[in-house]
Amino acid sequence: LRYFVYLSHATEFTIVYLLDIATLVHVRMVHSQNSQAINHVTSGETRAVEIRLLIQAFSQSFPLILVVISFSVLAHHSQTHFGQFVYTTLVWHMAHGVDGYCAQL
């Protein structure tokens, strides 16, 4: 049963990264099609915005990894229910803080 939990987390990571990669490929394809129709100044500005959004999307995966690892590993080492509560609360606060920082990129 314990390995089933890790399998579900690994599946979630795989889906997130596949979606990120599919988004990257899609944006590259759309950008290459649109770059022929518009001038180079607008193309450069559009590309800069797209790159910033892709960096944001990929960096959003790190809080997810932090949460899953902390829930899977750290919370199970606690001997008491209060310790699990503290771990869970700390993890959620850290994840939201890191996620907010990633949104500022």
PDB file of N, CA and C in Angstrom:
ATOM      1  N   LEU A   1       0.829  -1.193   0.000  1.00  0.00           N
ATOM      2  CA  LEU A   1       0.000   0.000   0.000  1.00  0.00           C
ATOM      3  C   LEU A   1       0.873   1.255   0.000  1.00  0.00           C
ATOM      4  N   ARG A   2       1.995   1.189   0.695  1.00  0.00           N
ATOM      5  CA  ARG A   2       2.871   2.349   0.775  1.00  0.00           C
ATOM      6  C   ARG A   2       3.446   2.701  -0.591  1.00  0.00           C
ATOM      7  N   TYR A   3       3.798   1.687  -1.377  1.00  0.00           N
ATOM      8  CA  TYR A   3       4.363   1.947  -2.693  1.00  0.00           C
ATOM      9  C   TYR A   3       3.304   2.445  -3.664  1.00  0.00           C
ATOM     10  N   PHE A   4       2.043   2.104  -3.417  1.00  0.00           N
ATOM     11  CA  PHE A   4       0.959   2.601  -4.252  1.00  0.00           C
ATOM     12  C   PHE A   4       0.853   4.117  -4.141  1.00  0.00           C
ATOM     13  N   VAL A   5       1.084   4.665  -2.949  1.00  0.00           N
ATOM     14  CA  VAL A   5       1.062   6.115  -2.754  1.00  0.00           C
ATOM     15  C   VAL A   5       2.177   6.753  -3.567  1.00  0.00           C
ATOM     16  N   TYR A   6       3.372   6.165  -3.540  1.00  0.00           N
ATOM     17  CA  TYR A   6       4.477   6.704  -4.331  1.00  0.00           C
ATOM     18  C   TYR A   6       4.189   6.600  -5.820  1.00  0.00           C
ATOM     19  N   LEU A   7       3.522   5.533  -6.227  1.00  0.00           N
ATOM     20  CA  LEU A   7       3.167   5.365  -7.633  1.00  0.00           C
ATOM     21  C   LEU A   7       2.200   6.453  -8.081  1.00  0.00           C
ATOM     22  N   SER A   8       1.255   6.794  -7.244  1.00  0.00           N
ATOM     23  CA  SER A   8       0.310   7.855  -7.610  1.00  0.00           C
ATOM     24  C   SER A   8       1.016   9.201  -7.718  1.00  0.00           C
ATOM     25  N   HIS A   9       1.986   9.462  -6.838  1.00  0.00           N
ATOM     26  CA  HIS A   9       2.743  10.711  -6.924  1.00  0.00           C
ATOM     27  C   HIS A   9       3.616  10.733  -8.174  1.00  0.00           C
ATOM     28  N   ALA A  10       4.238   9.622  -8.486  1.00  0.00           N
ATOM     29  CA  ALA A  10       5.062   9.551  -9.697  1.00  0.00           C
ATOM     30  C   ALA A  10       4.206   9.756 -10.942  1.00  0.00           C
ATOM     31  N   THR A  11       3.006   9.214 -10.934  1.00  0.00           N
ATOM     32  CA  THR A  11       2.091   9.415 -12.057  1.00  0.00           C
ATOM     33  C   THR A  11       1.706  10.883 -12.181  1.00  0.00           C
ATOM     34  N   GLU A  12       1.455  11.523 -11.062  1.00  0.00           N
ATOM     35  CA  GLU A  12       1.106  12.945 -11.079  1.00  0.00           C
ATOM     36  C   GLU A  12       2.262  13.780 -11.622  1.00  0.00           C
ATOM     37  N   PHE A  13       3.497  13.507 -11.173  1.00  0.00           N
ATOM     38  CA  PHE A  13       4.662  14.229 -11.696  1.00  0.00           C
ATOM     39  C   PHE A  13       4.802  14.031 -13.194  1.00  0.00           C
ATOM     40  N   THR A  14       4.616  12.801 -13.639  1.00  0.00           N
ATOM     41  CA  THR A  14       4.753  12.500 -15.061  1.00  0.00           C
ATOM     42  C   THR A  14       3.727  13.273 -15.879  1.00  0.00           C
ATOM     43  N   ILE A  15       2.502  13.314 -15.409  1.00  0.00           N
ATOM     44  CA  ILE A  15       1.459  14.045 -16.126  1.00  0.00           C
ATOM     45  C   ILE A  15       1.770  15.537 -16.168  1.00  0.00           C
ATOM     46  N   VAL A  16       2.220  16.103 -15.056  1.00  0.00           N
ATOM     47  CA  VAL A  16       2.553  17.527 -15.017  1.00  0.00           C
ATOM     48  C   VAL A  16       3.677  17.840 -15.993  1.00  0.00           C
ATOM     49  N   TYR A  17       4.733  17.036 -15.992  1.00  0.00           N
ATOM     50  CA  TYR A  17       5.848  17.304 -16.898  1.00  0.00           C
ATOM     51  C   TYR A  17       5.475  17.067 -18.354  1.00  0.00           C
ATOM     52  N   LEU A  18       4.643  16.080 -18.630  1.00  0.00           N
ATOM     53  CA  LEU A  18       4.189  15.874 -20.005  1.00  0.00           C
ATOM     54  C   LEU A  18       3.350  17.054 -20.488  1.00  0.00           C
ATOM     55  N   LEU A  19       2.510  17.591 -19.621  1.00  0.00           N
ATOM     56  CA  LEU A  19       1.734  18.773 -19.993  1.00  0.00           C
ATOM     57  C   LEU A  19       2.631  19.987 -20.211  1.00  0.00           C
ATOM     58  N   ASP A  20       3.658  20.153 -19.370  1.00  0.00           N
ATOM     59  CA  ASP A  20       4.601  21.256 -19.561  1.00  0.00           C
ATOM     60  C   ASP A  20       5.343  21.124 -20.885  1.00  0.00           C
ATOM     61  N   ILE A  21       5.784  19.936 -21.204  1.00  0.00           N
ATOM     62  CA  ILE A  21       6.509  19.719 -22.457  1.00  0.00           C
ATOM     63  C   ILE A  21       5.579  19.910 -23.650  1.00  0.00           C
ATOM     64  N   ALA A  22       4.340  19.432 -23.553  1.00  0.00           N
ATOM     65  CA  ALA A  22       3.377  19.634 -24.644  1.00  0.00           C
ATOM     66  C   ALA A  22       3.094  21.117 -24.850  1.00  0.00           C
ATOM     67  N   THR A  23       3.018  21.872 -23.757  1.00  0.00           N
ATOM     68  CA  THR A  23       2.819  23.315 -23.864  1.00  0.00           C
ATOM     69  C   THR A  23       4.008  23.975 -24.537  1.00  0.00           C
ATOM     70  N   LEU A  24       5.207  23.564 -24.164  1.00  0.00           N
ATOM     71  CA  LEU A  24       6.411  24.116 -24.782  1.00  0.00           C
ATOM     72  C   LEU A  24       6.427  23.846 -26.281  1.00  0.00           C
ATOM     73  N   VAL A  25       6.125  22.636 -26.680  1.00  0.00           N
ATOM     74  CA  VAL A  25       6.109  22.285 -28.106  1.00  0.00           C
ATOM     75  C   VAL A  25       5.029  23.077 -28.837  1.00  0.00           C
ATOM     76  N   HIS A  26       3.865  23.191 -28.231  1.00  0.00           N
ATOM     77  CA  HIS A  26       2.773  23.931 -28.866  1.00  0.00           C
ATOM     78  C   HIS A  26       3.136  25.406 -29.046  1.00  0.00           C
ATOM     79  N   VAL A  27       3.696  26.020 -28.019  1.00  0.00           N
ATOM     80  CA  VAL A  27       4.074  27.431 -28.111  1.00  0.00           C
ATOM     81  C   VAL A  27       5.141  27.627 -29.181  1.00  0.00           C
ATOM     82  N   ARG A  28       6.094  26.724 -29.257  1.00  0.00           N
ATOM     83  CA  ARG A  28       7.132  26.830 -30.299  1.00  0.00           C
ATOM     84  C   ARG A  28       6.523  26.730 -31.693  1.00  0.00           C
ATOM     85  N   MET A  29       5.576  25.819 -31.874  1.00  0.00           N
ATOM     86  CA  MET A  29       4.946  25.663 -33.183  1.00  0.00           C
ATOM     87  C   MET A  29       4.129  26.901 -33.554  1.00  0.00           C
ATOM     88  N   VAL A  30       3.353  27.409 -32.613  1.00  0.00           N
ATOM     89  CA  VAL A  30       2.545  28.597 -32.874  1.00  0.00           C
ATOM     90  C   VAL A  30       3.442  29.793 -33.132  1.00  0.00           C
ATOM     91  N   HIS A  31       4.516  29.916 -32.354  1.00  0.00           N
ATOM     92  CA  HIS A  31       5.429  31.042 -32.536  1.00  0.00           C
ATOM     93  C   HIS A  31       6.099  30.995 -33.905  1.00  0.00           C
ATOM     94  N   SER A  32       6.500  29.828 -34.340  1.00  0.00           N
ATOM     95  CA  SER A  32       7.159  29.736 -35.645  1.00  0.00           C
ATOM     96  C   SER A  32       6.183  30.048 -36.776  1.00  0.00           C
ATOM     97  N   GLN A  33       4.908  29.697 -36.620  1.00  0.00           N
ATOM     98  CA  GLN A  33       3.911  30.024 -37.641  1.00  0.00           C
ATOM     99  C   GLN A  33       3.596  31.513 -37.650  1.00  0.00           C
ATOM    100  N   ASN A  34       3.493  32.106 -36.462  1.00  0.00           N
ATOM    101  CA  ASN A  34       3.150  33.524 -36.370  1.00  0.00           C
ATOM    102  C   ASN A  34       4.316  34.433 -36.699  1.00  0.00           C
ATOM    103  N   SER A  35       5.532  33.974 -36.524  1.00  0.00           N
ATOM    104  CA  SER A  35       6.687  34.833 -36.775  1.00  0.00           C
ATOM    105  C   SER A  35       6.819  35.182 -38.248  1.00  0.00           C
ATOM    106  N   GLN A  36       6.279  34.374 -39.109  1.00  0.00           N
ATOM    107  CA  GLN A  36       6.321  34.671 -40.534  1.00  0.00           C
ATOM    108  C   GLN A  36       5.315  35.753 -40.902  1.00  0.00           C
ATOM    109  N   ALA A  37       4.248  35.908 -40.122  1.00  0.00           N
ATOM    110  CA  ALA A  37       3.186  36.841 -40.460  1.00  0.00           C
ATOM    111  C   ALA A  37       3.362  38.219 -39.828  1.00  0.00           C
ATOM    112  N   ILE A  38       4.156  38.342 -38.771  1.00  0.00           N
ATOM    113  CA  ILE A  38       4.304  39.632 -38.099  1.00  0.00           C
ATOM    114  C   ILE A  38       5.749  40.083 -38.158  1.00  0.00           C
ATOM    115  N   ASN A  39       5.963  41.356 -37.827  1.00  0.00           N
ATOM    116  CA  ASN A  39       7.333  41.885 -37.905  1.00  0.00           C
ATOM    117  C   ASN A  39       8.187  41.380 -36.749  1.00  0.00           C
ATOM    118  N   HIS A  40       9.459  41.620 -36.816  1.00  0.00           N
ATOM    119  CA  HIS A  40      10.411  41.053 -35.852  1.00  0.00           C
ATOM    120  C   HIS A  40      10.311  41.681 -34.463  1.00  0.00           C
ATOM    121  N   VAL A  41       9.940  42.970 -34.365  1.00  0.00           N
ATOM    122  CA  VAL A  41       9.833  43.616 -33.055  1.00  0.00           C
ATOM    123  C   VAL A  41       8.688  42.991 -32.256  1.00  0.00           C
ATOM    124  N   THR A  42       7.534  42.863 -32.871  1.00  0.00           N
ATOM    125  CA  THR A  42       6.394  42.250 -32.193  1.00  0.00           C
ATOM    126  C   THR A  42       6.679  40.788 -31.880  1.00  0.00           C
ATOM    127  N   SER A  43       7.367  40.118 -32.783  1.00  0.00           N
ATOM    128  CA  SER A  43       7.716  38.715 -32.576  1.00  0.00           C
ATOM    129  C   SER A  43       8.628  38.550 -31.362  1.00  0.00           C
ATOM    130  N   GLY A  44       9.605  39.441 -31.209  1.00  0.00           N
ATOM    131  CA  GLY A  44      10.512  39.374 -30.063  1.00  0.00           C
ATOM    132  C   GLY A  44       9.803  39.617 -28.747  1.00  0.00           C
ATOM    133  N   GLU A  45       8.873  40.578 -28.739  1.00  0.00           N
ATOM    134  CA  GLU A  45       8.114  40.863 -27.520  1.00  0.00           C
ATOM    135  C   GLU A  45       7.210  39.689 -27.152  1.00  0.00           C
ATOM    136  N   THR A  46       6.564  39.129 -28.155  1.00  0.00           N
ATOM    137  CA  THR A  46       5.695  37.976 -27.916  1.00  0.00           C
ATOM    138  C   THR A  46       6.496  36.797 -27.395  1.00  0.00           C
ATOM    139  N   ARG A  47       7.657  36.596 -27.971  1.00  0.00           N
ATOM    140  CA  ARG A  47       8.504  35.480 -27.542  1.00  0.00           C
ATOM    141  C   ARG A  47       8.971  35.661 -26.099  1.00  0.00           C
ATOM    142  N   ALA A  48       9.296  36.895 -25.714  1.00  0.00           N
ATOM    143  CA  ALA A  48       9.731  37.154 -24.337  1.00  0.00           C
ATOM    144  C   ALA A  48       8.612  36.839 -23.342  1.00  0.00           C
ATOM    145  N   VAL A  49       7.388  37.214 -23.682  1.00  0.00           N
ATOM    146  CA  VAL A  49       6.249  36.915 -22.807  1.00  0.00           C
ATOM    147  C   VAL A  49       6.030  35.410 -22.723  1.00  0.00           C
ATOM    148  N   GLU A  50       6.129  34.727 -23.856  1.00  0.00           N
ATOM    149  CA  GLU A  50       5.941  33.276 -23.865  1.00  0.00           C
ATOM    150  C   GLU A  50       7.002  32.575 -23.032  1.00  0.00           C
ATOM    151  N   ILE A  51       8.238  33.023 -23.139  1.00  0.00           N
ATOM    152  CA  ILE A  51       9.321  32.407 -22.370  1.00  0.00           C
ATOM    153  C   ILE A  51       9.091  32.619 -20.880  1.00  0.00           C
ATOM    154  N   ARG A  52       8.656  33.826 -20.501  1.00  0.00           N
ATOM    155  CA  ARG A  52       8.395  34.096 -19.086  1.00  0.00           C
ATOM    156  C   ARG A  52       7.267  33.207 -18.558  1.00  0.00           C
ATOM    157  N   LEU A  53       6.218  33.013 -19.349  1.00  0.00           N
ATOM    158  CA  LEU A  53       5.121  32.150 -18.923  1.00  0.00           C
ATOM    159  C   LEU A  53       5.555  30.693 -18.822  1.00  0.00           C
ATOM    160  N   LEU A  54       6.416  30.254 -19.725  1.00  0.00           N
ATOM    161  CA  LEU A  54       6.912  28.879 -19.649  1.00  0.00           C
ATOM    162  C   LEU A  54       7.797  28.669 -18.428  1.00  0.00           C
ATOM    163  N   ILE A  55       8.623  29.654 -18.117  1.00  0.00           N
ATOM    164  CA  ILE A  55       9.452  29.561 -16.911  1.00  0.00           C
ATOM    165  C   ILE A  55       8.557  29.485 -15.678  1.00  0.00           C
ATOM    166  N   GLN A  56       7.487  30.290 -15.666  1.00  0.00           N
ATOM    167  CA  GLN A  56       6.536  30.219 -14.558  1.00  0.00           C
ATOM    168  C   GLN A  56       5.900  28.839 -14.463  1.00  0.00           C
ATOM    169  N   ALA A  57       5.499  28.297 -15.593  1.00  0.00           N
ATOM    170  CA  ALA A  57       4.833  26.987 -15.587  1.00  0.00           C
ATOM    171  C   ALA A  57       5.760  25.896 -15.069  1.00  0.00           C
ATOM    172  N   PHE A  58       7.010  25.902 -15.524  1.00  0.00           N
ATOM    173  CA  PHE A  58       7.949  24.882 -15.057  1.00  0.00           C
ATOM    174  C   PHE A  58       8.310  25.087 -13.588  1.00  0.00           C
ATOM    175  N   SER A  59       8.421  26.339 -13.158  1.00  0.00           N
ATOM    176  CA  SER A  59       8.790  26.580 -11.762  1.00  0.00           C
ATOM    177  C   SER A  59       7.640  26.269 -10.806  1.00  0.00           C
ATOM    178  N   GLN A  60       6.410  26.226 -11.296  1.00  0.00           N
ATOM    179  CA  GLN A  60       5.284  25.856 -10.447  1.00  0.00           C
ATOM    180  C   GLN A  60       5.353  24.387 -10.040  1.00  0.00           C
ATOM    181  N   SER A  61       6.136  23.603 -10.735  1.00  0.00           N
ATOM    182  CA  SER A  61       6.272  22.183 -10.400  1.00  0.00           C
ATOM    183  C   SER A  61       7.075  21.979  -9.119  1.00  0.00           C
ATOM    184  N   PHE A  62       7.958  22.908  -8.790  1.00  0.00           N
ATOM    185  CA  PHE A  62       8.791  22.744  -7.602  1.00  0.00           C
ATOM    186  C   PHE A  62       7.986  22.771  -6.299  1.00  0.00           C
ATOM    187  N   PRO A  63       7.024  23.692  -6.123  1.00  0.00           N
ATOM    188  CA  PRO A  63       6.202  23.592  -4.906  1.00  0.00           C
ATOM    189  C   PRO A  63       5.420  22.286  -4.835  1.00  0.00           C
ATOM    190  N   LEU A  64       4.970  21.798  -5.982  1.00  0.00           N
ATOM    191  CA  LEU A  64       4.263  20.517  -5.999  1.00  0.00           C
ATOM    192  C   LEU A  64       5.176  19.395  -5.525  1.00  0.00           C
ATOM    193  N   ILE A  65       6.403  19.379  -6.006  1.00  0.00           N
ATOM    194  CA  ILE A  65       7.373  18.367  -5.579  1.00  0.00           C
ATOM    195  C   ILE A  65       7.646  18.500  -4.082  1.00  0.00           C
ATOM    196  N   LEU A  66       7.792  19.734  -3.607  1.00  0.00           N
ATOM    197  CA  LEU A  66       8.033  19.984  -2.183  1.00  0.00           C
ATOM    198  C   LEU A  66       6.899  19.428  -1.326  1.00  0.00           C
ATOM    199  N   VAL A  67       5.673  19.672  -1.739  1.00  0.00           N
ATOM    200  CA  VAL A  67       4.515  19.199  -0.976  1.00  0.00           C
ATOM    201  C   VAL A  67       4.458  17.681  -0.955  1.00  0.00           C
ATOM    202  N   VAL A  68       4.609  17.066  -2.107  1.00  0.00           N
ATOM    203  CA  VAL A  68       4.474  15.607  -2.182  1.00  0.00           C
ATOM    204  C   VAL A  68       5.580  14.911  -1.404  1.00  0.00           C
ATOM    205  N   ILE A  69       6.807  15.374  -1.543  1.00  0.00           N
ATOM    206  CA  ILE A  69       7.914  14.759  -0.802  1.00  0.00           C
ATOM    207  C   ILE A  69       7.714  14.944   0.700  1.00  0.00           C
ATOM    208  N   SER A  70       7.308  16.126   1.090  1.00  0.00           N
ATOM    209  CA  SER A  70       7.115  16.379   2.514  1.00  0.00           C
ATOM    210  C   SER A  70       5.984  15.539   3.086  1.00  0.00           C
ATOM    211  N   PHE A  71       4.885  15.424   2.347  1.00  0.00           N
ATOM    212  CA  PHE A  71       3.781  14.600   2.832  1.00  0.00           C
ATOM    213  C   PHE A  71       4.151  13.128   2.841  1.00  0.00           C
ATOM    214  N   SER A  72       4.875  12.698   1.838  1.00  0.00           N
ATOM    215  CA  SER A  72       5.194  11.275   1.729  1.00  0.00           C
ATOM    216  C   SER A  72       6.290  10.847   2.684  1.00  0.00           C
ATOM    217  N   VAL A  73       7.235  11.721   2.944  1.00  0.00           N
ATOM    218  CA  VAL A  73       8.412  11.332   3.719  1.00  0.00           C
ATOM    219  C   VAL A  73       8.377  11.910   5.131  1.00  0.00           C
ATOM    220  N   LEU A  74       8.300  13.212   5.240  1.00  0.00           N
ATOM    221  CA  LEU A  74       8.448  13.847   6.547  1.00  0.00           C
ATOM    222  C   LEU A  74       7.283  13.553   7.491  1.00  0.00           C
ATOM    223  N   ALA A  75       6.069  13.649   6.994  1.00  0.00           N
ATOM    224  CA  ALA A  75       4.914  13.469   7.879  1.00  0.00           C
ATOM    225  C   ALA A  75       4.824  12.046   8.423  1.00  0.00           C
ATOM    226  N   HIS A  76       5.329  11.079   7.692  1.00  0.00           N
ATOM    227  CA  HIS A  76       5.264   9.695   8.169  1.00  0.00           C
ATOM    228  C   HIS A  76       6.287   9.399   9.266  1.00  0.00           C
ATOM    229  N   HIS A  77       7.269  10.272   9.436  1.00  0.00           N
ATOM    230  CA  HIS A  77       8.259  10.065  10.489  1.00  0.00           C
ATOM    231  C   HIS A  77       7.785  10.600  11.836  1.00  0.00           C
ATOM    232  N   SER A  78       6.723  11.353  11.830  1.00  0.00           N
ATOM    233  CA  SER A  78       6.200  11.893  13.075  1.00  0.00           C
ATOM    234  C   SER A  78       5.510  10.790  13.870  1.00  0.00           C
ATOM    235  N   GLN A  79       5.721  10.812  15.164  1.00  0.00           N
ATOM    236  CA  GLN A  79       5.153   9.787  16.036  1.00  0.00           C
ATOM    237  C   GLN A  79       3.770  10.160  16.562  1.00  0.00           C
ATOM    238  N   THR A  80       3.443  11.450  16.549  1.00  0.00           N
ATOM    239  CA  THR A  80       2.174  11.897  17.125  1.00  0.00           C
ATOM    240  C   THR A  80       1.308  12.559  16.053  1.00  0.00           C
ATOM    241  N   HIS A  81       0.041  12.667  16.368  1.00  0.00           N
ATOM    242  CA  HIS A  81      -0.875  13.360  15.456  1.00  0.00           C
ATOM    243  C   HIS A  81      -0.560  14.855  15.406  1.00  0.00           C
ATOM    244  N   PHE A  82      -0.137  15.412  16.541  1.00  0.00           N
ATOM    245  CA  PHE A  82       0.224  16.825  16.555  1.00  0.00           C
ATOM    246  C   PHE A  82       1.448  17.079  15.679  1.00  0.00           C
ATOM    247  N   GLY A  83       2.405  16.178  15.719  1.00  0.00           N
ATOM    248  CA  GLY A  83       3.579  16.309  14.854  1.00  0.00           C
ATOM    249  C   GLY A  83       3.209  16.257  13.383  1.00  0.00           C
ATOM    250  N   GLN A  84       2.283  15.380  13.022  1.00  0.00           N
ATOM    251  CA  GLN A  84       1.815  15.328  11.636  1.00  0.00           C
ATOM    252  C   GLN A  84       1.085  16.614  11.260  1.00  0.00           C
ATOM    253  N   PHE A  85       0.328  17.157  12.202  1.00  0.00           N
ATOM    254  CA  PHE A  85      -0.351  18.427  11.960  1.00  0.00           C
ATOM    255  C   PHE A  85       0.658  19.545  11.718  1.00  0.00           C
ATOM    256  N   VAL A  86       1.700  19.596  12.547  1.00  0.00           N
ATOM    257  CA  VAL A  86       2.727  20.626  12.389  1.00  0.00           C
ATOM    258  C   VAL A  86       3.438  20.469  11.046  1.00  0.00           C
ATOM    259  N   TYR A  87       3.820  19.256  10.685  1.00  0.00           N
ATOM    260  CA  TYR A  87       4.458  19.019   9.385  1.00  0.00           C
ATOM    261  C   TYR A  87       3.548  19.457   8.236  1.00  0.00           C
ATOM    262  N   THR A  88       2.289  19.069   8.306  1.00  0.00           N
ATOM    263  CA  THR A  88       1.356  19.400   7.234  1.00  0.00           C
ATOM    264  C   THR A  88       1.171  20.909   7.117  1.00  0.00           C
ATOM    265  N   THR A  89       0.999  21.580   8.245  1.00  0.00           N
ATOM    266  CA  THR A  89       0.826  23.028   8.235  1.00  0.00           C
ATOM    267  C   THR A  89       2.074  23.721   7.712  1.00  0.00           C
ATOM    268  N   LEU A  90       3.232  23.296   8.166  1.00  0.00           N
ATOM    269  CA  LEU A  90       4.487  23.882   7.708  1.00  0.00           C
ATOM    270  C   LEU A  90       4.669  23.678   6.208  1.00  0.00           C
ATOM    271  N   VAL A  91       4.355  22.495   5.733  1.00  0.00           N
ATOM    272  CA  VAL A  91       4.504  22.199   4.307  1.00  0.00           C
ATOM    273  C   VAL A  91       3.577  23.077   3.479  1.00  0.00           C
ATOM    274  N   TRP A  92       2.336  23.227   3.911  1.00  0.00           N
ATOM    275  CA  TRP A  92       1.414  24.054   3.142  1.00  0.00           C
ATOM    276  C   TRP A  92       1.874  25.500   3.107  1.00  0.00           C
ATOM    277  N   HIS A  93       2.356  26.028   4.229  1.00  0.00           N
ATOM    278  CA  HIS A  93       2.842  27.410   4.248  1.00  0.00           C
ATOM    279  C   HIS A  93       4.064  27.574   3.353  1.00  0.00           C
ATOM    280  N   MET A  94       4.980  26.629   3.419  1.00  0.00           N
ATOM    281  CA  MET A  94       6.169  26.707   2.556  1.00  0.00           C
ATOM    282  C   MET A  94       5.781  26.613   1.085  1.00  0.00           C
ATOM    283  N   ALA A  95       4.870  25.712   0.764  1.00  0.00           N
ATOM    284  CA  ALA A  95       4.471  25.527  -0.637  1.00  0.00           C
ATOM    285  C   ALA A  95       3.798  26.780  -1.190  1.00  0.00           C
ATOM    286  N   HIS A  96       2.931  27.379  -0.404  1.00  0.00           N
ATOM    287  CA  HIS A  96       2.269  28.595  -0.882  1.00  0.00           C
ATOM    288  C   HIS A  96       3.252  29.758  -0.986  1.00  0.00           C
ATOM    289  N   GLY A  97       4.211  29.826  -0.079  1.00  0.00           N
ATOM    290  CA  GLY A  97       5.234  30.867  -0.174  1.00  0.00           C
ATOM    291  C   GLY A  97       6.097  30.715  -1.412  1.00  0.00           C
ATOM    292  N   VAL A  98       6.553  29.508  -1.671  1.00  0.00           N
ATOM    293  CA  VAL A  98       7.376  29.255  -2.863  1.00  0.00           C
ATOM    294  C   VAL A  98       6.543  29.450  -4.121  1.00  0.00           C
ATOM    295  N   ASP A  99       5.293  29.023  -4.095  1.00  0.00           N
ATOM    296  CA  ASP A  99       4.406  29.185  -5.241  1.00  0.00           C
ATOM    297  C   ASP A  99       4.168  30.667  -5.536  1.00  0.00           C
ATOM    298  N   GLY A 100       3.992  31.470  -4.510  1.00  0.00           N
ATOM    299  CA  GLY A 100       3.837  32.911  -4.699  1.00  0.00           C
ATOM    300  C   GLY A 100       5.088  33.545  -5.269  1.00  0.00           C
ATOM    301  N   TYR A 101       6.240  33.079  -4.825  1.00  0.00           N
ATOM    302  CA  TYR A 101       7.496  33.588  -5.384  1.00  0.00           C
ATOM    303  C   TYR A 101       7.616  33.211  -6.861  1.00  0.00           C
ATOM    304  N   CYS A 102       7.243  31.991  -7.205  1.00  0.00           N
ATOM    305  CA  CYS A 102       7.308  31.553  -8.605  1.00  0.00           C
ATOM    306  C   CYS A 102       6.359  32.360  -9.477  1.00  0.00           C
ATOM    307  N   ALA A 103       5.232  32.784  -8.928  1.00  0.00           N
ATOM    308  CA  ALA A 103       4.274  33.572  -9.705  1.00  0.00           C
ATOM    309  C   ALA A 103       4.822  34.956 -10.020  1.00  0.00           C
ATOM    310  N   GLN A 104       5.802  35.428  -9.241  1.00  0.00           N
ATOM    311  CA  GLN A 104       6.398  36.743  -9.485  1.00  0.00           C
ATOM    312  C   GLN A 104       7.440  36.726 -10.592  1.00  0.00           C
ATOM    313  N   LEU A 105       7.845  35.557 -11.040  1.00  0.00           N
ATOM    314  CA  LEU A 105       8.870  35.469 -12.085  1.00  0.00           C
ATOM    315  C   LEU A 105       8.396  36.032 -13.393  1.00  0.00           C
TER     316      LEU A 105
END
